[in-house]
Amino acid sequence: MDYANRRRVKLWGKARVVEDDPELMRRLTVEGYRGRPEQVIVFTLKAWDVNCPQHIPQMFFAEDIKEAVDKLKDRIAQLEQENAALRAAQGGDERQGGM
């Protein structure tokens, strides 16, 4: 499930649990990973499809939002400094045109 992009894949088929195949478990074990599998689920697919996003809620992780907001805050601060420098160069905070 990819909540941020509102995508998911539907799978049709059969699954079977394998507990007594050391060779299969060895092939699926990531080198250097300390955990050891106790069982494997093997899927035999008949079909798959990418699902319509209409009913998938959009979800974002807080740390991703914080990173994006922090970048925006930094950019706003930069632009505010630039604006202040431009106003100072024009002789203060006087408004152009108008009253």
N, C-alpha and C. Protein backbone atom coordinates (compact mmCIF):
# COMPACT_ATOMS: atom_id res chain seq x y z
N MET A 1 0.85 -1.17 0.00
CA MET A 1 0.00 0.00 0.00
C MET A 1 0.90 1.24 0.00
N ASP A 2 0.64 2.13 -0.91
CA ASP A 2 1.39 3.39 -1.02
C ASP A 2 0.38 4.51 -0.76
N TYR A 3 0.25 4.90 0.52
CA TYR A 3 -0.77 5.89 0.88
C TYR A 3 -0.45 7.28 0.32
N ALA A 4 0.82 7.65 0.30
CA ALA A 4 1.17 9.00 -0.15
C ALA A 4 0.76 9.23 -1.60
N ASN A 5 0.92 8.21 -2.43
CA ASN A 5 0.59 8.33 -3.86
C ASN A 5 -0.74 7.66 -4.21
N ARG A 6 -1.45 7.18 -3.19
CA ARG A 6 -2.76 6.55 -3.34
C ARG A 6 -2.73 5.43 -4.39
N ARG A 7 -1.82 4.47 -4.16
CA ARG A 7 -1.72 3.31 -5.06
C ARG A 7 -1.65 2.03 -4.24
N ARG A 8 -2.20 0.99 -4.81
CA ARG A 8 -2.05 -0.34 -4.22
C ARG A 8 -2.15 -1.37 -5.33
N VAL A 9 -1.65 -2.53 -5.05
CA VAL A 9 -1.70 -3.62 -6.02
C VAL A 9 -2.56 -4.73 -5.42
N LYS A 10 -3.52 -5.20 -6.19
CA LYS A 10 -4.35 -6.32 -5.77
C LYS A 10 -3.77 -7.59 -6.39
N LEU A 11 -3.71 -8.64 -5.59
CA LEU A 11 -3.17 -9.92 -6.05
C LEU A 11 -4.26 -10.98 -5.93
N TRP A 12 -4.37 -11.82 -6.96
CA TRP A 12 -5.28 -12.95 -6.93
C TRP A 12 -4.45 -14.21 -7.12
N GLY A 13 -4.68 -15.18 -6.30
CA GLY A 13 -3.94 -16.42 -6.42
C GLY A 13 -4.05 -17.23 -5.14
N LYS A 14 -3.04 -18.04 -4.92
CA LYS A 14 -3.02 -18.90 -3.73
C LYS A 14 -1.70 -18.66 -3.00
N ALA A 15 -1.77 -18.86 -1.69
CA ALA A 15 -0.58 -18.75 -0.86
C ALA A 15 -0.44 -20.03 -0.06
N ARG A 16 0.81 -20.43 0.15
CA ARG A 16 1.04 -21.60 0.99
C ARG A 16 2.22 -21.30 1.92
N VAL A 17 2.13 -21.80 3.11
CA VAL A 17 3.17 -21.60 4.11
C VAL A 17 4.15 -22.76 4.02
N VAL A 18 5.43 -22.44 3.95
CA VAL A 18 6.49 -23.45 3.87
C VAL A 18 7.34 -23.31 5.13
N GLU A 19 7.45 -24.39 5.89
CA GLU A 19 8.22 -24.35 7.13
C GLU A 19 9.41 -25.31 7.13
N ASP A 20 9.48 -26.21 6.18
CA ASP A 20 10.49 -27.26 6.24
C ASP A 20 11.35 -27.32 4.98
N ASP A 21 11.74 -26.16 4.47
CA ASP A 21 12.58 -26.12 3.27
C ASP A 21 13.78 -25.21 3.54
N PRO A 22 14.84 -25.78 4.17
CA PRO A 22 16.00 -24.98 4.54
C PRO A 22 16.65 -24.29 3.34
N GLU A 23 16.65 -24.93 2.16
CA GLU A 23 17.26 -24.33 0.97
C GLU A 23 16.49 -23.08 0.54
N LEU A 24 15.17 -23.14 0.54
CA LEU A 24 14.35 -21.98 0.20
C LEU A 24 14.59 -20.85 1.20
N MET A 25 14.60 -21.17 2.46
CA MET A 25 14.83 -20.15 3.49
C MET A 25 16.22 -19.54 3.36
N ARG A 26 17.22 -20.35 3.01
CA ARG A 26 18.57 -19.83 2.81
C ARG A 26 18.59 -18.85 1.65
N ARG A 27 17.89 -19.19 0.56
CA ARG A 27 17.87 -18.31 -0.63
C ARG A 27 17.17 -16.99 -0.35
N LEU A 28 16.23 -17.00 0.56
CA LEU A 28 15.46 -15.79 0.86
C LEU A 28 16.04 -14.96 2.00
N THR A 29 17.06 -15.47 2.67
CA THR A 29 17.66 -14.77 3.80
C THR A 29 18.64 -13.72 3.28
N VAL A 30 18.53 -12.52 3.80
CA VAL A 30 19.43 -11.43 3.41
C VAL A 30 20.76 -11.61 4.13
N GLU A 31 21.84 -11.58 3.37
CA GLU A 31 23.17 -11.76 3.94
C GLU A 31 23.47 -10.64 4.93
N GLY A 32 23.97 -11.02 6.08
CA GLY A 32 24.31 -10.05 7.11
C GLY A 32 23.15 -9.71 8.05
N TYR A 33 21.95 -10.13 7.72
CA TYR A 33 20.80 -9.86 8.57
C TYR A 33 20.76 -10.93 9.66
N ARG A 34 20.65 -10.50 10.92
CA ARG A 34 20.73 -11.45 12.03
C ARG A 34 19.48 -12.30 12.21
N GLY A 35 18.35 -11.80 11.81
CA GLY A 35 17.11 -12.56 11.96
C GLY A 35 17.09 -13.79 11.06
N ARG A 36 16.46 -14.82 11.51
CA ARG A 36 16.35 -16.05 10.74
C ARG A 36 14.88 -16.39 10.52
N PRO A 37 14.49 -16.67 9.29
CA PRO A 37 13.08 -16.98 9.03
C PRO A 37 12.70 -18.33 9.64
N GLU A 38 11.46 -18.40 10.09
CA GLU A 38 10.92 -19.65 10.60
C GLU A 38 10.00 -20.30 9.59
N GLN A 39 9.45 -19.47 8.70
CA GLN A 39 8.57 -19.96 7.65
C GLN A 39 8.57 -18.97 6.50
N VAL A 40 8.10 -19.45 5.37
CA VAL A 40 8.03 -18.64 4.16
C VAL A 40 6.62 -18.76 3.61
N ILE A 41 6.11 -17.67 3.08
CA ILE A 41 4.82 -17.73 2.40
C ILE A 41 5.10 -17.59 0.91
N VAL A 42 4.73 -18.60 0.17
CA VAL A 42 4.94 -18.63 -1.28
C VAL A 42 3.60 -18.34 -1.96
N PHE A 43 3.61 -17.33 -2.83
CA PHE A 43 2.40 -16.95 -3.55
C PHE A 43 2.46 -17.47 -4.98
N THR A 44 1.39 -18.06 -5.44
CA THR A 44 1.24 -18.42 -6.84
C THR A 44 0.14 -17.51 -7.38
N LEU A 45 0.55 -16.56 -8.22
CA LEU A 45 -0.39 -15.54 -8.69
C LEU A 45 -1.11 -15.98 -9.95
N LYS A 46 -2.38 -15.66 -9.99
CA LYS A 46 -3.18 -15.86 -11.19
C LYS A 46 -3.37 -14.54 -11.92
N ALA A 47 -3.45 -13.46 -11.16
CA ALA A 47 -3.63 -12.13 -11.75
C ALA A 47 -3.23 -11.07 -10.73
N TRP A 48 -2.97 -9.88 -11.24
CA TRP A 48 -2.71 -8.72 -10.39
C TRP A 48 -3.22 -7.49 -11.11
N ASP A 49 -3.46 -6.45 -10.34
CA ASP A 49 -3.97 -5.22 -10.92
C ASP A 49 -3.62 -4.06 -10.00
N VAL A 50 -3.36 -2.91 -10.59
CA VAL A 50 -3.17 -1.70 -9.82
C VAL A 50 -4.55 -1.12 -9.57
N ASN A 51 -4.85 -0.88 -8.32
CA ASN A 51 -6.19 -0.48 -7.93
C ASN A 51 -6.45 1.00 -8.17
N CYS A 52 -7.70 1.33 -8.40
CA CYS A 52 -8.16 2.71 -8.55
C CYS A 52 -7.92 3.46 -7.24
N PRO A 53 -7.39 4.69 -7.29
CA PRO A 53 -7.08 5.42 -6.07
C PRO A 53 -8.28 6.07 -5.40
N GLN A 54 -9.47 5.96 -5.97
CA GLN A 54 -10.62 6.70 -5.49
C GLN A 54 -10.88 6.53 -3.99
N HIS A 55 -10.78 5.33 -3.48
CA HIS A 55 -11.13 5.09 -2.07
C HIS A 55 -9.90 4.84 -1.19
N ILE A 56 -8.74 5.23 -1.66
CA ILE A 56 -7.53 5.08 -0.86
C ILE A 56 -7.24 6.43 -0.20
N PRO A 57 -7.27 6.50 1.12
CA PRO A 57 -6.98 7.78 1.77
C PRO A 57 -5.52 8.16 1.58
N GLN A 58 -5.29 9.45 1.43
CA GLN A 58 -3.91 9.90 1.27
C GLN A 58 -3.33 10.11 2.67
N MET A 59 -2.17 9.53 2.91
CA MET A 59 -1.55 9.60 4.22
C MET A 59 -0.08 9.96 4.05
N PHE A 60 0.40 10.84 4.92
CA PHE A 60 1.81 11.22 4.90
C PHE A 60 2.37 11.01 6.30
N PHE A 61 3.65 10.68 6.37
CA PHE A 61 4.31 10.50 7.64
C PHE A 61 4.74 11.86 8.19
N ALA A 62 4.63 12.03 9.50
CA ALA A 62 4.91 13.32 10.14
C ALA A 62 6.32 13.81 9.83
N GLU A 63 7.30 12.91 9.82
CA GLU A 63 8.68 13.35 9.56
C GLU A 63 8.84 13.88 8.13
N ASP A 64 8.10 13.32 7.18
CA ASP A 64 8.15 13.83 5.80
C ASP A 64 7.53 15.22 5.71
N ILE A 65 6.41 15.41 6.41
CA ILE A 65 5.76 16.72 6.42
C ILE A 65 6.66 17.74 7.10
N LYS A 66 7.28 17.37 8.22
CA LYS A 66 8.17 18.29 8.93
C LYS A 66 9.32 18.72 8.03
N GLU A 67 9.89 17.79 7.29
CA GLU A 67 11.00 18.12 6.39
C GLU A 67 10.54 19.13 5.33
N ALA A 68 9.38 18.91 4.74
CA ALA A 68 8.86 19.81 3.72
C ALA A 68 8.56 21.19 4.30
N VAL A 69 7.95 21.21 5.49
CA VAL A 69 7.61 22.49 6.14
C VAL A 69 8.88 23.24 6.52
N ASP A 70 9.88 22.53 7.03
CA ASP A 70 11.14 23.18 7.39
C ASP A 70 11.79 23.84 6.17
N LYS A 71 11.74 23.17 5.02
CA LYS A 71 12.30 23.76 3.80
C LYS A 71 11.54 25.03 3.42
N LEU A 72 10.21 24.99 3.55
CA LEU A 72 9.40 26.17 3.25
C LEU A 72 9.70 27.30 4.22
N LYS A 73 9.84 26.99 5.50
CA LYS A 73 10.17 28.02 6.49
C LYS A 73 11.52 28.67 6.18
N ASP A 74 12.50 27.86 5.80
CA ASP A 74 13.82 28.40 5.43
C ASP A 74 13.71 29.33 4.23
N ARG A 75 12.92 28.92 3.24
CA ARG A 75 12.74 29.74 2.03
C ARG A 75 12.02 31.05 2.36
N ILE A 76 11.00 30.97 3.21
CA ILE A 76 10.28 32.18 3.62
C ILE A 76 11.22 33.14 4.34
N ALA A 77 12.04 32.63 5.25
CA ALA A 77 13.00 33.47 5.98
C ALA A 77 13.96 34.14 5.01
N GLN A 78 14.42 33.39 4.02
CA GLN A 78 15.34 33.93 3.00
C GLN A 78 14.66 35.05 2.22
N LEU A 79 13.42 34.84 1.81
CA LEU A 79 12.69 35.85 1.04
C LEU A 79 12.39 37.08 1.90
N GLU A 80 12.09 36.88 3.19
CA GLU A 80 11.84 38.02 4.07
C GLU A 80 13.10 38.87 4.24
N GLN A 81 14.25 38.22 4.33
CA GLN A 81 15.51 38.96 4.41
C GLN A 81 15.77 39.74 3.12
N GLU A 82 15.49 39.11 2.01
CA GLU A 82 15.67 39.76 0.72
C GLU A 82 14.74 40.97 0.60
N ASN A 83 13.49 40.81 1.00
CA ASN A 83 12.54 41.93 0.97
C ASN A 83 13.01 43.07 1.86
N ALA A 84 13.48 42.75 3.06
CA ALA A 84 13.96 43.79 3.98
C ALA A 84 15.15 44.54 3.37
N ALA A 85 16.05 43.81 2.73
CA ALA A 85 17.21 44.44 2.10
C ALA A 85 16.78 45.35 0.95
N LEU A 86 15.81 44.91 0.16
CA LEU A 86 15.31 45.73 -0.95
C LEU A 86 14.62 46.99 -0.44
N ARG A 87 13.83 46.85 0.63
CA ARG A 87 13.17 48.03 1.22
C ARG A 87 14.20 49.02 1.74
N ALA A 88 15.21 48.50 2.42
CA ALA A 88 16.27 49.36 2.96
C ALA A 88 17.00 50.08 1.83
N ALA A 89 17.23 49.40 0.73
CA ALA A 89 17.93 50.00 -0.42
C ALA A 89 17.07 51.07 -1.09
N GLN A 90 15.75 50.99 -0.94
CA GLN A 90 14.84 51.97 -1.54
C GLN A 90 14.54 53.12 -0.59
N GLY A 91 15.16 53.13 0.56
CA GLY A 91 14.98 54.26 1.46
C GLY A 91 13.94 54.03 2.54
N GLY A 92 13.80 52.86 3.01
CA GLY A 92 12.90 52.60 4.11
C GLY A 92 11.73 51.73 3.70
N ASP A 93 10.69 51.79 4.51
CA ASP A 93 9.54 50.93 4.31
C ASP A 93 8.40 51.67 3.66
N GLU A 94 8.70 52.69 2.84
CA GLU A 94 7.67 53.45 2.16
C GLU A 94 7.02 52.61 1.08
N ARG A 95 5.76 52.76 0.94
CA ARG A 95 5.01 52.04 -0.10
C ARG A 95 5.08 52.83 -1.40
N GLN A 96 5.26 52.15 -2.48
CA GLN A 96 5.30 52.80 -3.81
C GLN A 96 3.91 52.95 -4.35
N GLY A 97 3.62 54.07 -4.97
CA GLY A 97 2.34 54.30 -5.63
C GLY A 97 1.18 54.24 -4.65
N GLY A 98 0.28 55.06 -4.68
CA GLY A 98 -0.85 55.00 -3.76
C GLY A 98 -0.83 56.19 -2.83
N MET A 99 -1.22 55.99 -1.61
CA MET A 99 -1.41 57.07 -0.66
C MET A 99 -0.16 57.78 -0.44
